[in-house]
Amino acid sequence: MHTLLMTLLVIVSLALIVVVLLQSGKSAGLSGAISGGAEQLFGKQKARGLDLVLHRVTIVLAALFFILAIAVTKV
């Protein structure tokens, strides 16, 4: 059981790293720092398409990571 949980934890950890790295940053360098406030001010706050999917997958993987990490310590 411990081996299965550890294997799942490693897989979820790697998937979480990949998903976080695939997400686009809130500010894209210096030009994003200057215009980033304007985008938020004029209503570009909602994530669309791939960004929304990656955001939701990140939340699910993070929850799984914490659950599996706690489960590994209990076994």
N, C-alpha and C. Protein backbone atom coordinates (compact mmCIF):
# COMPACT_ATOMS: atom_id res chain seq x y z
N MET A 1 0.82 -1.19 0.00
CA MET A 1 0.00 0.00 0.00
C MET A 1 0.87 1.26 0.00
N HIS A 2 1.93 1.21 0.79
CA HIS A 2 2.83 2.37 0.87
C HIS A 2 3.49 2.63 -0.48
N THR A 3 3.88 1.57 -1.17
CA THR A 3 4.53 1.72 -2.48
C THR A 3 3.57 2.33 -3.50
N LEU A 4 2.32 1.90 -3.47
CA LEU A 4 1.31 2.46 -4.38
C LEU A 4 1.09 3.94 -4.11
N LEU A 5 0.99 4.32 -2.85
CA LEU A 5 0.79 5.73 -2.50
C LEU A 5 1.99 6.58 -2.90
N MET A 6 3.19 6.05 -2.68
CA MET A 6 4.40 6.79 -3.06
C MET A 6 4.49 6.97 -4.58
N THR A 7 4.13 5.94 -5.32
CA THR A 7 4.14 6.03 -6.78
C THR A 7 3.13 7.06 -7.26
N LEU A 8 1.92 7.04 -6.69
CA LEU A 8 0.91 8.04 -7.05
C LEU A 8 1.36 9.44 -6.68
N LEU A 9 2.03 9.57 -5.54
CA LEU A 9 2.51 10.88 -5.11
C LEU A 9 3.55 11.44 -6.07
N VAL A 10 4.45 10.58 -6.54
CA VAL A 10 5.47 11.02 -7.49
C VAL A 10 4.83 11.42 -8.82
N ILE A 11 3.86 10.65 -9.29
CA ILE A 11 3.18 10.96 -10.55
C ILE A 11 2.42 12.27 -10.45
N VAL A 12 1.70 12.46 -9.35
CA VAL A 12 0.93 13.70 -9.16
C VAL A 12 1.89 14.89 -9.02
N SER A 13 3.01 14.69 -8.34
CA SER A 13 3.98 15.77 -8.18
C SER A 13 4.55 16.21 -9.52
N LEU A 14 4.92 15.26 -10.35
CA LEU A 14 5.45 15.59 -11.68
C LEU A 14 4.39 16.26 -12.55
N ALA A 15 3.16 15.77 -12.47
CA ALA A 15 2.07 16.38 -13.25
C ALA A 15 1.81 17.80 -12.78
N LEU A 16 1.87 18.04 -11.49
CA LEU A 16 1.66 19.38 -10.94
C LEU A 16 2.75 20.34 -11.40
N ILE A 17 3.98 19.88 -11.41
CA ILE A 17 5.09 20.70 -11.89
C ILE A 17 4.89 21.07 -13.36
N VAL A 18 4.53 20.10 -14.17
CA VAL A 18 4.33 20.35 -15.61
C VAL A 18 3.19 21.33 -15.84
N VAL A 19 2.08 21.15 -15.13
CA VAL A 19 0.92 22.03 -15.33
C VAL A 19 1.24 23.45 -14.90
N VAL A 20 1.96 23.61 -13.80
CA VAL A 20 2.31 24.96 -13.35
C VAL A 20 3.25 25.63 -14.35
N LEU A 21 4.19 24.88 -14.89
CA LEU A 21 5.11 25.46 -15.87
C LEU A 21 4.43 25.79 -17.19
N LEU A 22 3.34 25.11 -17.53
CA LEU A 22 2.63 25.39 -18.77
C LEU A 22 1.79 26.67 -18.69
N GLN A 23 1.47 27.11 -17.50
CA GLN A 23 0.63 28.29 -17.35
C GLN A 23 1.38 29.54 -17.75
N SER A 24 0.64 30.48 -18.31
CA SER A 24 1.25 31.75 -18.68
C SER A 24 1.33 32.64 -17.45
N GLY A 25 2.37 33.44 -17.38
CA GLY A 25 2.55 34.32 -16.25
C GLY A 25 1.58 35.48 -16.28
N LYS A 26 1.36 36.08 -15.13
CA LYS A 26 0.46 37.24 -15.05
C LYS A 26 1.08 38.45 -15.72
N SER A 27 2.38 38.59 -15.66
CA SER A 27 3.05 39.70 -16.35
C SER A 27 4.14 39.12 -17.24
N ALA A 28 4.12 39.51 -18.48
CA ALA A 28 5.07 38.97 -19.45
C ALA A 28 6.26 39.93 -19.57
N GLY A 29 7.14 39.90 -18.59
CA GLY A 29 8.34 40.73 -18.64
C GLY A 29 8.04 42.18 -18.30
N LEU A 30 8.89 43.06 -18.80
CA LEU A 30 8.78 44.48 -18.48
C LEU A 30 7.54 45.10 -19.12
N SER A 31 7.21 44.71 -20.34
CA SER A 31 6.02 45.25 -20.99
C SER A 31 4.76 44.82 -20.26
N GLY A 32 4.75 43.62 -19.71
CA GLY A 32 3.61 43.17 -18.93
C GLY A 32 3.47 43.91 -17.63
N ALA A 33 4.61 44.33 -17.06
CA ALA A 33 4.57 45.08 -15.81
C ALA A 33 3.95 46.46 -16.03
N ILE A 34 4.19 47.03 -17.21
CA ILE A 34 3.65 48.36 -17.51
C ILE A 34 2.18 48.27 -17.89
N SER A 35 1.83 47.33 -18.74
CA SER A 35 0.45 47.25 -19.22
C SER A 35 -0.40 46.27 -18.43
N GLY A 36 0.18 45.58 -17.48
CA GLY A 36 -0.58 44.59 -16.71
C GLY A 36 -1.72 45.19 -15.93
N GLY A 37 -1.52 46.36 -15.36
CA GLY A 37 -2.59 47.02 -14.62
C GLY A 37 -3.72 47.44 -15.52
N ALA A 38 -3.41 47.84 -16.74
CA ALA A 38 -4.44 48.27 -17.68
C ALA A 38 -5.32 47.10 -18.11
N GLU A 39 -4.71 45.94 -18.28
CA GLU A 39 -5.50 44.78 -18.67
C GLU A 39 -6.50 44.41 -17.58
N GLN A 40 -6.07 44.49 -16.34
CA GLN A 40 -6.96 44.16 -15.25
C GLN A 40 -8.03 45.22 -15.07
N LEU A 41 -7.68 46.46 -15.32
CA LEU A 41 -8.62 47.57 -15.17
C LEU A 41 -9.74 47.50 -16.20
N PHE A 42 -9.43 47.10 -17.41
CA PHE A 42 -10.43 47.10 -18.48
C PHE A 42 -11.14 45.77 -18.66
N GLY A 43 -11.06 44.89 -17.70
CA GLY A 43 -11.92 43.71 -17.70
C GLY A 43 -11.34 42.43 -18.25
N LYS A 44 -10.06 42.33 -18.43
CA LYS A 44 -9.48 41.07 -18.90
C LYS A 44 -9.11 40.22 -17.69
N GLN A 45 -10.05 40.03 -16.79
CA GLN A 45 -9.78 39.30 -15.55
C GLN A 45 -10.13 37.83 -15.67
N LYS A 46 -11.05 37.49 -16.52
CA LYS A 46 -11.50 36.10 -16.61
C LYS A 46 -10.53 35.30 -17.47
N ALA A 47 -10.16 34.16 -16.95
CA ALA A 47 -9.31 33.24 -17.72
C ALA A 47 -10.18 32.52 -18.75
N ARG A 48 -9.65 32.34 -19.92
CA ARG A 48 -10.41 31.68 -20.98
C ARG A 48 -9.58 30.57 -21.60
N GLY A 49 -10.29 29.58 -22.09
CA GLY A 49 -9.66 28.51 -22.85
C GLY A 49 -8.69 27.67 -22.06
N LEU A 50 -7.49 27.58 -22.58
CA LEU A 50 -6.47 26.72 -22.00
C LEU A 50 -6.04 27.20 -20.61
N ASP A 51 -6.02 28.51 -20.40
CA ASP A 51 -5.64 29.02 -19.07
C ASP A 51 -6.63 28.57 -18.01
N LEU A 52 -7.90 28.56 -18.34
CA LEU A 52 -8.92 28.13 -17.39
C LEU A 52 -8.78 26.64 -17.07
N VAL A 53 -8.54 25.84 -18.09
CA VAL A 53 -8.37 24.40 -17.89
C VAL A 53 -7.13 24.13 -17.04
N LEU A 54 -6.02 24.81 -17.34
CA LEU A 54 -4.80 24.61 -16.57
C LEU A 54 -4.98 25.05 -15.12
N HIS A 55 -5.75 26.11 -14.92
CA HIS A 55 -6.01 26.59 -13.56
C HIS A 55 -6.79 25.54 -12.76
N ARG A 56 -7.82 24.98 -13.37
CA ARG A 56 -8.63 23.97 -12.68
C ARG A 56 -7.85 22.68 -12.43
N VAL A 57 -7.04 22.27 -13.40
CA VAL A 57 -6.22 21.07 -13.23
C VAL A 57 -5.20 21.28 -12.12
N THR A 58 -4.65 22.49 -12.02
CA THR A 58 -3.71 22.80 -10.95
C THR A 58 -4.36 22.66 -9.58
N ILE A 59 -5.58 23.14 -9.45
CA ILE A 59 -6.29 23.04 -8.17
C ILE A 59 -6.53 21.57 -7.80
N VAL A 60 -6.96 20.78 -8.77
CA VAL A 60 -7.23 19.36 -8.50
C VAL A 60 -5.94 18.62 -8.14
N LEU A 61 -4.87 18.87 -8.90
CA LEU A 61 -3.61 18.19 -8.62
C LEU A 61 -3.03 18.62 -7.27
N ALA A 62 -3.18 19.88 -6.92
CA ALA A 62 -2.68 20.34 -5.62
C ALA A 62 -3.44 19.67 -4.48
N ALA A 63 -4.75 19.54 -4.62
CA ALA A 63 -5.54 18.87 -3.60
C ALA A 63 -5.13 17.40 -3.49
N LEU A 64 -4.95 16.74 -4.63
CA LEU A 64 -4.50 15.34 -4.63
C LEU A 64 -3.12 15.20 -3.99
N PHE A 65 -2.25 16.16 -4.27
CA PHE A 65 -0.90 16.12 -3.71
C PHE A 65 -0.96 16.16 -2.18
N PHE A 66 -1.75 17.08 -1.63
CA PHE A 66 -1.84 17.19 -0.18
C PHE A 66 -2.48 15.95 0.44
N ILE A 67 -3.52 15.44 -0.20
CA ILE A 67 -4.17 14.23 0.32
C ILE A 67 -3.22 13.04 0.32
N LEU A 68 -2.49 12.88 -0.80
CA LEU A 68 -1.55 11.76 -0.88
C LEU A 68 -0.37 11.93 0.08
N ALA A 69 0.09 13.17 0.26
CA ALA A 69 1.21 13.40 1.18
C ALA A 69 0.80 13.06 2.61
N ILE A 70 -0.42 13.41 2.98
CA ILE A 70 -0.91 13.07 4.32
C ILE A 70 -1.12 11.56 4.44
N ALA A 71 -1.64 10.94 3.37
CA ALA A 71 -1.88 9.50 3.40
C ALA A 71 -0.57 8.71 3.51
N VAL A 72 0.48 9.19 2.88
CA VAL A 72 1.78 8.50 2.93
C VAL A 72 2.33 8.55 4.35
N THR A 73 2.13 9.65 5.04
CA THR A 73 2.66 9.75 6.41
C THR A 73 1.85 8.90 7.39
N LYS A 74 0.59 8.63 7.08
CA LYS A 74 -0.26 7.83 7.97
C LYS A 74 -0.02 6.33 7.81
N VAL A 75 0.45 5.92 6.66
CA VAL A 75 0.62 4.48 6.40
C VAL A 75 1.93 3.99 6.93
